[in-house]
PDB file of N, CA and C in Angstrom:
ATOM      1  N   MET A   1     -13.313  -1.062   9.272  1.00  0.00           N
ATOM      2  CA  MET A   1     -12.660  -0.407  10.427  1.00  0.00           C
ATOM      3  C   MET A   1     -11.260  -1.056  10.648  1.00  0.00           C
ATOM      4  N   GLN A   2     -11.182  -2.320  10.233  1.00  0.00           N
ATOM      5  CA  GLN A   2      -9.921  -3.010  10.366  1.00  0.00           C
ATOM      6  C   GLN A   2      -8.865  -2.422   9.461  1.00  0.00           C
ATOM      7  N   VAL A   3      -9.205  -1.958   8.258  1.00  0.00           N
ATOM      8  CA  VAL A   3      -8.312  -1.248   7.381  1.00  0.00           C
ATOM      9  C   VAL A   3      -7.863   0.040   7.963  1.00  0.00           C
ATOM     10  N   ILE A   4      -8.754   0.781   8.596  1.00  0.00           N
ATOM     11  CA  ILE A   4      -8.393   2.017   9.217  1.00  0.00           C
ATOM     12  C   ILE A   4      -7.356   1.790  10.329  1.00  0.00           C
ATOM     13  N   SER A   5      -7.625   0.725  11.126  1.00  0.00           N
ATOM     14  CA  SER A   5      -6.701   0.504  12.276  1.00  0.00           C
ATOM     15  C   SER A   5      -5.292   0.044  11.703  1.00  0.00           C
ATOM     16  N   LEU A   6      -5.252  -0.673  10.610  1.00  0.00           N
ATOM     17  CA  LEU A   6      -4.012  -1.125  10.031  1.00  0.00           C
ATOM     18  C   LEU A   6      -3.255   0.106   9.489  1.00  0.00           C
ATOM     19  N   VAL A   7      -3.975   0.920   8.753  1.00  0.00           N
ATOM     20  CA  VAL A   7      -3.351   2.216   8.211  1.00  0.00           C
ATOM     21  C   VAL A   7      -2.869   3.036   9.322  1.00  0.00           C
ATOM     22  N   TRP A   8      -3.638   3.153  10.402  1.00  0.00           N
ATOM     23  CA  TRP A   8      -3.279   4.018  11.523  1.00  0.00           C
ATOM     24  C   TRP A   8      -1.990   3.455  12.197  1.00  0.00           C
ATOM     25  N   GLY A   9      -1.891   2.214  12.359  1.00  0.00           N
ATOM     26  CA  GLY A   9      -0.711   1.589  12.927  1.00  0.00           C
ATOM     27  C   GLY A   9       0.521   1.774  12.015  1.00  0.00           C
ATOM     28  N   ILE A  10       0.378   1.666  10.765  1.00  0.00           N
ATOM     29  CA  ILE A  10       1.496   1.926   9.865  1.00  0.00           C
ATOM     30  C   ILE A  10       1.933   3.379   9.933  1.00  0.00           C
ATOM     31  N   LEU A  11       1.007   4.335   9.937  1.00  0.00           N
ATOM     32  CA  LEU A  11       1.344   5.684  10.117  1.00  0.00           C
ATOM     33  C   LEU A  11       2.029   6.026  11.470  1.00  0.00           C
ATOM     34  N   ALA A  12       1.591   5.349  12.512  1.00  0.00           N
ATOM     35  CA  ALA A  12       2.223   5.477  13.808  1.00  0.00           C
ATOM     36  C   ALA A  12       3.655   5.012  13.775  1.00  0.00           C
ATOM     37  N   LEU A  13       3.896   3.828  13.073  1.00  0.00           N
ATOM     38  CA  LEU A  13       5.262   3.297  12.926  1.00  0.00           C
ATOM     39  C   LEU A  13       6.169   4.241  12.145  1.00  0.00           C
ATOM     40  N   VAL A  14       5.629   4.851  11.042  1.00  0.00           N
ATOM     41  CA  VAL A  14       6.345   5.712  10.239  1.00  0.00           C
ATOM     42  C   VAL A  14       6.776   6.942  11.109  1.00  0.00           C
ATOM     43  N   GLY A  15       5.818   7.467  11.863  1.00  0.00           N
ATOM     44  CA  GLY A  15       6.120   8.624  12.728  1.00  0.00           C
ATOM     45  C   GLY A  15       7.203   8.243  13.782  1.00  0.00           C
ATOM     46  N   MET A  16       7.121   7.042  14.250  1.00  0.00           N
ATOM     47  CA  MET A  16       8.080   6.627  15.265  1.00  0.00           C
ATOM     48  C   MET A  16       9.487   6.520  14.613  1.00  0.00           C
ATOM     49  N   PHE A  17       9.606   5.998  13.398  1.00  0.00           N
ATOM     50  CA  PHE A  17      10.876   5.850  12.715  1.00  0.00           C
ATOM     51  C   PHE A  17      11.447   7.230  12.404  1.00  0.00           C
ATOM     52  N   ILE A  18      10.606   8.210  11.973  1.00  0.00           N
ATOM     53  CA  ILE A  18      11.084   9.513  11.704  1.00  0.00           C
ATOM     54  C   ILE A  18      11.610  10.139  13.035  1.00  0.00           C
ATOM     55  N   ALA A  19      10.978   9.887  14.113  1.00  0.00           N
ATOM     56  CA  ALA A  19      11.324  10.520  15.370  1.00  0.00           C
ATOM     57  C   ALA A  19      12.684   9.887  15.943  1.00  0.00           C
ATOM     58  N   PHE A  20      13.168   8.807  15.325  1.00  0.00           N
ATOM     59  CA  PHE A  20      14.430   8.290  15.753  1.00  0.00           C
ATOM     60  C   PHE A  20      15.617   9.048  15.243  1.00  0.00           C
ATOM     61  N   PHE A  21      15.407   9.889  14.272  1.00  0.00           N
ATOM     62  CA  PHE A  21      16.532  10.728  13.717  1.00  0.00           C
ATOM     63  C   PHE A  21      16.879  11.741  14.784  1.00  0.00           C
ATOM     64  N   PRO A  22      18.148  12.073  14.814  1.00  0.00           N
ATOM     65  CA  PRO A  22      18.593  13.113  15.754  1.00  0.00           C
ATOM     66  C   PRO A  22      17.877  14.421  15.528  1.00  0.00           C
ATOM     67  N   CYS A  23      17.597  15.096  16.547  1.00  0.00           N
ATOM     68  CA  CYS A  23      16.935  16.443  16.524  1.00  0.00           C
ATOM     69  C   CYS A  23      15.427  16.336  16.071  1.00  0.00           C
ATOM     70  N   LEU A  24      14.902  15.159  15.888  1.00  0.00           N
ATOM     71  CA  LEU A  24      13.465  15.008  15.583  1.00  0.00           C
ATOM     72  C   LEU A  24      12.770  14.176  16.726  1.00  0.00           C
ATOM     73  N   GLY A  25      13.419  13.942  17.768  1.00  0.00           N
ATOM     74  CA  GLY A  25      12.826  13.108  18.859  1.00  0.00           C
ATOM     75  C   GLY A  25      11.695  13.720  19.490  1.00  0.00           C
ATOM     76  N   SER A  26      11.479  15.064  19.447  1.00  0.00           N
ATOM     77  CA  SER A  26      10.275  15.648  20.065  1.00  0.00           C
ATOM     78  C   SER A  26       9.029  15.373  19.248  1.00  0.00           C
ATOM     79  N   LEU A  27       9.161  14.813  18.074  1.00  0.00           N
ATOM     80  CA  LEU A  27       8.002  14.382  17.243  1.00  0.00           C
ATOM     81  C   LEU A  27       7.248  13.281  18.068  1.00  0.00           C
ATOM     82  N   ASN A  28       7.895  12.617  18.947  1.00  0.00           N
ATOM     83  CA  ASN A  28       7.261  11.531  19.733  1.00  0.00           C
ATOM     84  C   ASN A  28       6.219  12.067  20.630  1.00  0.00           C
ATOM     85  N   TRP A  29       6.324  13.367  21.007  1.00  0.00           N
ATOM     86  CA  TRP A  29       5.276  14.017  21.826  1.00  0.00           C
ATOM     87  C   TRP A  29       3.970  14.065  21.079  1.00  0.00           C
ATOM     88  N   LEU A  30       4.003  14.138  19.716  1.00  0.00           N
ATOM     89  CA  LEU A  30       2.752  14.023  18.892  1.00  0.00           C
ATOM     90  C   LEU A  30       2.428  12.627  18.509  1.00  0.00           C
ATOM     91  N   ASN A  31       3.431  11.777  18.268  1.00  0.00           N
ATOM     92  CA  ASN A  31       3.218  10.468  17.790  1.00  0.00           C
ATOM     93  C   ASN A  31       2.687   9.467  18.880  1.00  0.00           C
ATOM     94  N   ILE A  32       3.058   9.647  20.114  1.00  0.00           N
ATOM     95  CA  ILE A  32       2.559   8.734  21.132  1.00  0.00           C
ATOM     96  C   ILE A  32       1.036   8.952  21.349  1.00  0.00           C
ATOM     97  N   PRO A  33       0.493  10.149  21.455  1.00  0.00           N
ATOM     98  CA  PRO A  33      -0.949  10.221  21.571  1.00  0.00           C
ATOM     99  C   PRO A  33      -1.661   9.703  20.290  1.00  0.00           C
ATOM    100  N   PHE A  34      -1.037   9.981  19.125  1.00  0.00           N
ATOM    101  CA  PHE A  34      -1.683   9.536  17.868  1.00  0.00           C
ATOM    102  C   PHE A  34      -1.647   7.968  17.906  1.00  0.00           C
ATOM    103  N   ALA A  35      -0.572   7.348  18.333  1.00  0.00           N
ATOM    104  CA  ALA A  35      -0.605   5.882  18.440  1.00  0.00           C
ATOM    105  C   ALA A  35      -1.540   5.315  19.461  1.00  0.00           C
ATOM    106  N   LEU A  36      -1.703   6.036  20.547  1.00  0.00           N
ATOM    107  CA  LEU A  36      -2.638   5.605  21.619  1.00  0.00           C
ATOM    108  C   LEU A  36      -4.067   5.644  21.112  1.00  0.00           C
ATOM    109  N   ILE A  37      -4.452   6.661  20.319  1.00  0.00           N
ATOM    110  CA  ILE A  37      -5.763   6.735  19.702  1.00  0.00           C
ATOM    111  C   ILE A  37      -5.953   5.614  18.754  1.00  0.00           C
ATOM    112  N   GLY A  38      -4.873   5.329  17.944  1.00  0.00           N
ATOM    113  CA  GLY A  38      -4.877   4.248  17.019  1.00  0.00           C
ATOM    114  C   GLY A  38      -5.066   2.892  17.726  1.00  0.00           C
ATOM    115  N   LEU A  39      -4.400   2.726  18.822  1.00  0.00           N
ATOM    116  CA  LEU A  39      -4.523   1.545  19.661  1.00  0.00           C
ATOM    117  C   LEU A  39      -5.997   1.299  20.077  1.00  0.00           C
ATOM    118  N   ILE A  40      -6.653   2.351  20.540  1.00  0.00           N
ATOM    119  CA  ILE A  40      -8.018   2.306  20.955  1.00  0.00           C
ATOM    120  C   ILE A  40      -8.927   1.956  19.747  1.00  0.00           C
ATOM    121  N   VAL A  41      -8.665   2.562  18.556  1.00  0.00           N
ATOM    122  CA  VAL A  41      -9.477   2.235  17.430  1.00  0.00           C
ATOM    123  C   VAL A  41      -9.258   0.746  17.039  1.00  0.00           C
ATOM    124  N   SER A  42      -8.125   0.301  17.110  1.00  0.00           N
ATOM    125  CA  SER A  42      -7.715  -1.106  16.721  1.00  0.00           C
ATOM    126  C   SER A  42      -8.475  -2.110  17.732  1.00  0.00           C
ATOM    127  N   ILE A  43      -8.484  -1.766  18.968  1.00  0.00           N
ATOM    128  CA  ILE A  43      -9.143  -2.639  19.899  1.00  0.00           C
ATOM    129  C   ILE A  43     -10.646  -2.638  19.643  1.00  0.00           C
ATOM    130  N   VAL A  44     -11.226  -1.468  19.387  1.00  0.00           N
ATOM    131  CA  VAL A  44     -12.683  -1.383  19.075  1.00  0.00           C
ATOM    132  C   VAL A  44     -12.954  -2.207  17.814  1.00  0.00           C
ATOM    133  N   ALA A  45     -12.088  -2.097  16.812  1.00  0.00           N
ATOM    134  CA  ALA A  45     -12.288  -2.899  15.518  1.00  0.00           C
ATOM    135  C   ALA A  45     -12.203  -4.357  15.811  1.00  0.00           C
ATOM    136  N   LEU A  46     -11.305  -4.760  16.638  1.00  0.00           N
ATOM    137  CA  LEU A  46     -11.206  -6.199  16.988  1.00  0.00           C
ATOM    138  C   LEU A  46     -12.375  -6.670  17.697  1.00  0.00           C
ATOM    139  N   VAL A  47     -12.922  -5.910  18.657  1.00  0.00           N
ATOM    140  CA  VAL A  47     -14.094  -6.381  19.412  1.00  0.00           C
ATOM    141  C   VAL A  47     -15.299  -6.338  18.593  1.00  0.00           C
ATOM    142  N   GLN A  48     -15.484  -5.420  17.654  1.00  0.00           N
ATOM    143  CA  GLN A  48     -16.645  -5.352  16.843  1.00  0.00           C
ATOM    144  C   GLN A  48     -16.618  -6.283  15.613  1.00  0.00           C
ATOM    145  N   ALA A  49     -15.528  -6.943  15.294  1.00  0.00           N
ATOM    146  CA  ALA A  49     -15.480  -7.868  14.176  1.00  0.00           C
ATOM    147  C   ALA A  49     -16.354  -9.039  14.424  1.00  0.00           C
ATOM    148  N   LYS A  50     -17.032  -9.371  13.350  1.00  0.00           N
ATOM    149  CA  LYS A  50     -17.884 -10.585  13.429  1.00  0.00           C
ATOM    150  C   LYS A  50     -17.035 -11.855  13.448  1.00  0.00           C
ATOM    151  N   PRO A  51     -17.585 -12.954  14.081  1.00  0.00           N
ATOM    152  CA  PRO A  51     -16.712 -14.156  14.222  1.00  0.00           C
ATOM    153  C   PRO A  51     -16.252 -14.724  12.890  1.00  0.00           C
ATOM    154  N   GLU A  52     -17.015 -14.548  11.829  1.00  0.00           N
ATOM    155  CA  GLU A  52     -16.575 -15.139  10.532  1.00  0.00           C
ATOM    156  C   GLU A  52     -15.579 -14.221   9.778  1.00  0.00           C
ATOM    157  N   GLU A  53     -15.340 -13.041  10.218  1.00  0.00           N
ATOM    158  CA  GLU A  53     -14.399 -12.093   9.559  1.00  0.00           C
ATOM    159  C   GLU A  53     -12.979 -12.410  10.008  1.00  0.00           C
ATOM    160  N   LYS A  54     -12.032 -12.097   9.131  1.00  0.00           N
ATOM    161  CA  LYS A  54     -10.625 -12.184   9.502  1.00  0.00           C
ATOM    162  C   LYS A  54     -10.354 -10.951  10.422  1.00  0.00           C
ATOM    163  N   LYS A  55      -9.540 -11.205  11.373  1.00  0.00           N
ATOM    164  CA  LYS A  55      -9.215 -10.108  12.396  1.00  0.00           C
ATOM    165  C   LYS A  55      -7.747  -9.700  12.252  1.00  0.00           C
ATOM    166  N   SER A  56      -7.095 -10.046  11.144  1.00  0.00           N
ATOM    167  CA  SER A  56      -5.652  -9.787  11.059  1.00  0.00           C
ATOM    168  C   SER A  56      -5.352  -8.281  10.937  1.00  0.00           C
ATOM    169  N   GLY A  57      -6.198  -7.510  10.307  1.00  0.00           N
ATOM    170  CA  GLY A  57      -5.948  -6.077  10.212  1.00  0.00           C
ATOM    171  C   GLY A  57      -6.002  -5.407  11.597  1.00  0.00           C
ATOM    172  N   SER A  58      -6.916  -5.808  12.424  1.00  0.00           N
ATOM    173  CA  SER A  58      -7.001  -5.223  13.784  1.00  0.00           C
ATOM    174  C   SER A  58      -5.867  -5.680  14.669  1.00  0.00           C
ATOM    175  N   VAL A  59      -5.459  -6.894  14.569  1.00  0.00           N
ATOM    176  CA  VAL A  59      -4.309  -7.379  15.364  1.00  0.00           C
ATOM    177  C   VAL A  59      -3.018  -6.709  14.920  1.00  0.00           C
ATOM    178  N   ALA A  60      -2.878  -6.546  13.627  1.00  0.00           N
ATOM    179  CA  ALA A  60      -1.672  -5.825  13.102  1.00  0.00           C
ATOM    180  C   ALA A  60      -1.673  -4.371  13.555  1.00  0.00           C
ATOM    181  N   GLY A  61      -2.839  -3.728  13.554  1.00  0.00           N
ATOM    182  CA  GLY A  61      -2.954  -2.382  14.063  1.00  0.00           C
ATOM    183  C   GLY A  61      -2.629  -2.208  15.466  1.00  0.00           C
ATOM    184  N   ILE A  62      -3.049  -3.233  16.276  1.00  0.00           N
ATOM    185  CA  ILE A  62      -2.729  -3.211  17.730  1.00  0.00           C
ATOM    186  C   ILE A  62      -1.271  -3.339  17.952  1.00  0.00           C
ATOM    187  N   CYS A  63      -0.605  -4.293  17.207  1.00  0.00           N
ATOM    188  CA  CYS A  63       0.852  -4.538  17.378  1.00  0.00           C
ATOM    189  C   CYS A  63       1.623  -3.323  16.900  1.00  0.00           C
ATOM    190  N   CYS A  64       1.264  -2.680  15.773  1.00  0.00           N
ATOM    191  CA  CYS A  64       2.011  -1.492  15.335  1.00  0.00           C
ATOM    192  C   CYS A  64       1.862  -0.328  16.253  1.00  0.00           C
ATOM    193  N   CYS A  65       0.689  -0.091  16.729  1.00  0.00           N
ATOM    194  CA  CYS A  65       0.466   1.063  17.561  1.00  0.00           C
ATOM    195  C   CYS A  65       1.127   0.853  18.901  1.00  0.00           C
ATOM    196  N   ALA A  66       1.081  -0.400  19.459  1.00  0.00           N
ATOM    197  CA  ALA A  66       1.644  -0.675  20.722  1.00  0.00           C
ATOM    198  C   ALA A  66       3.277  -0.539  20.628  1.00  0.00           C
ATOM    199  N   ALA A  67       3.777  -0.968  19.595  1.00  0.00           N
ATOM    200  CA  ALA A  67       5.225  -0.866  19.275  1.00  0.00           C
ATOM    201  C   ALA A  67       5.603   0.606  19.170  1.00  0.00           C
ATOM    202  N   ALA A  68       4.795   1.366  18.542  1.00  0.00           N
ATOM    203  CA  ALA A  68       5.063   2.838  18.374  1.00  0.00           C
ATOM    204  C   ALA A  68       5.053   3.547  19.617  1.00  0.00           C
ATOM    205  N   VAL A  69       4.089   3.197  20.532  1.00  0.00           N
ATOM    206  CA  VAL A  69       3.963   3.839  21.863  1.00  0.00           C
ATOM    207  C   VAL A  69       5.247   3.392  22.712  1.00  0.00           C
ATOM    208  N   LEU A  70       5.513   2.117  22.716  1.00  0.00           N
ATOM    209  CA  LEU A  70       6.605   1.574  23.530  1.00  0.00           C
ATOM    210  C   LEU A  70       7.938   2.159  23.135  1.00  0.00           C
ATOM    211  N   PHE A  71       8.283   2.086  21.873  1.00  0.00           N
ATOM    212  CA  PHE A  71       9.598   2.546  21.377  1.00  0.00           C
ATOM    213  C   PHE A  71       9.656   4.049  21.432  1.00  0.00           C
ATOM    214  N   GLY A  72       8.546   4.690  21.188  1.00  0.00           N
ATOM    215  CA  GLY A  72       8.567   6.167  21.248  1.00  0.00           C
ATOM    216  C   GLY A  72       8.783   6.635  22.671  1.00  0.00           C
ATOM    217  N   ALA A  73       8.197   5.998  23.687  1.00  0.00           N
ATOM    218  CA  ALA A  73       8.432   6.368  25.072  1.00  0.00           C
ATOM    219  C   ALA A  73       9.892   6.057  25.439  1.00  0.00           C
ATOM    220  N   ILE A  74      10.422   4.948  24.979  1.00  0.00           N
ATOM    221  CA  ILE A  74      11.842   4.671  25.353  1.00  0.00           C
ATOM    222  C   ILE A  74      12.717   5.718  24.680  1.00  0.00           C
ATOM    223  N   ARG A  75      12.416   6.088  23.432  1.00  0.00           N
ATOM    224  CA  ARG A  75      13.213   7.132  22.820  1.00  0.00           C
ATOM    225  C   ARG A  75      13.134   8.498  23.570  1.00  0.00           C
ATOM    226  N   LEU A  76      11.952   8.806  24.032  1.00  0.00           N
ATOM    227  CA  LEU A  76      11.856  10.038  24.833  1.00  0.00           C
ATOM    228  C   LEU A  76      12.633   9.960  26.141  1.00  0.00           C
ATOM    229  N   MET A  77      12.591   8.755  26.802  1.00  0.00           N
ATOM    230  CA  MET A  77      13.310   8.581  28.054  1.00  0.00           C
ATOM    231  C   MET A  77      14.863   8.745  27.800  1.00  0.00           C
ATOM    232  N   LEU A  78      15.345   8.064  26.698  1.00  0.00           N
ATOM    233  CA  LEU A  78      16.753   8.193  26.389  1.00  0.00           C
ATOM    234  C   LEU A  78      17.186   9.570  26.016  1.00  0.00           C
ATOM    235  N   GLY A  79      16.319  10.307  25.402  1.00  0.00           N
ATOM    236  CA  GLY A  79      16.667  11.662  25.005  1.00  0.00           C
ATOM    237  C   GLY A  79      16.432  12.690  26.035  1.00  0.00           C
ATOM    238  N   GLY A  80      15.875  12.365  27.169  1.00  0.00           N
ATOM    239  CA  GLY A  80      15.640  13.292  28.281  1.00  0.00           C
ATOM    240  C   GLY A  80      14.328  14.011  28.150  1.00  0.00           C
ATOM    241  N   GLY A  81      13.476  13.572  27.261  1.00  0.00           N
ATOM    242  CA  GLY A  81      12.204  14.271  27.047  1.00  0.00           C
ATOM    243  C   GLY A  81      11.112  13.801  27.985  1.00  0.00           C
ATOM    244  N   LEU A  82      11.213  12.693  28.567  1.00  0.00           N
ATOM    245  CA  LEU A  82      10.286  12.115  29.397  1.00  0.00           C
ATOM    246  C   LEU A  82      10.850  11.663  30.708  1.00  0.00           C
ATOM    247  N   LEU A  83      10.478  12.202  31.827  1.00  0.00           N
ATOM    248  CA  LEU A  83      11.091  11.902  33.113  1.00  0.00           C
ATOM    249  C   LEU A  83      10.310  10.903  33.823  1.00  0.00           C
TER     250      LEU A  83
END
């Protein structure tokens, strides 16, 4: 599950970077919910991890998804898409 959360976070970041291009900012309307679901999956993966397992995949997924949500929302605000 940690690998899934890491991949989800990377995909959310890729979507966020694509949405930074001019005329593609509305992609954030799809990417922010995608990243929020990835954030939930990453948190669940972190909580369900056994104490002896490494938790770096979950933590990286949480960081990537949170950054995608934060910067995507800022991009929407600057572009006038989010009031």
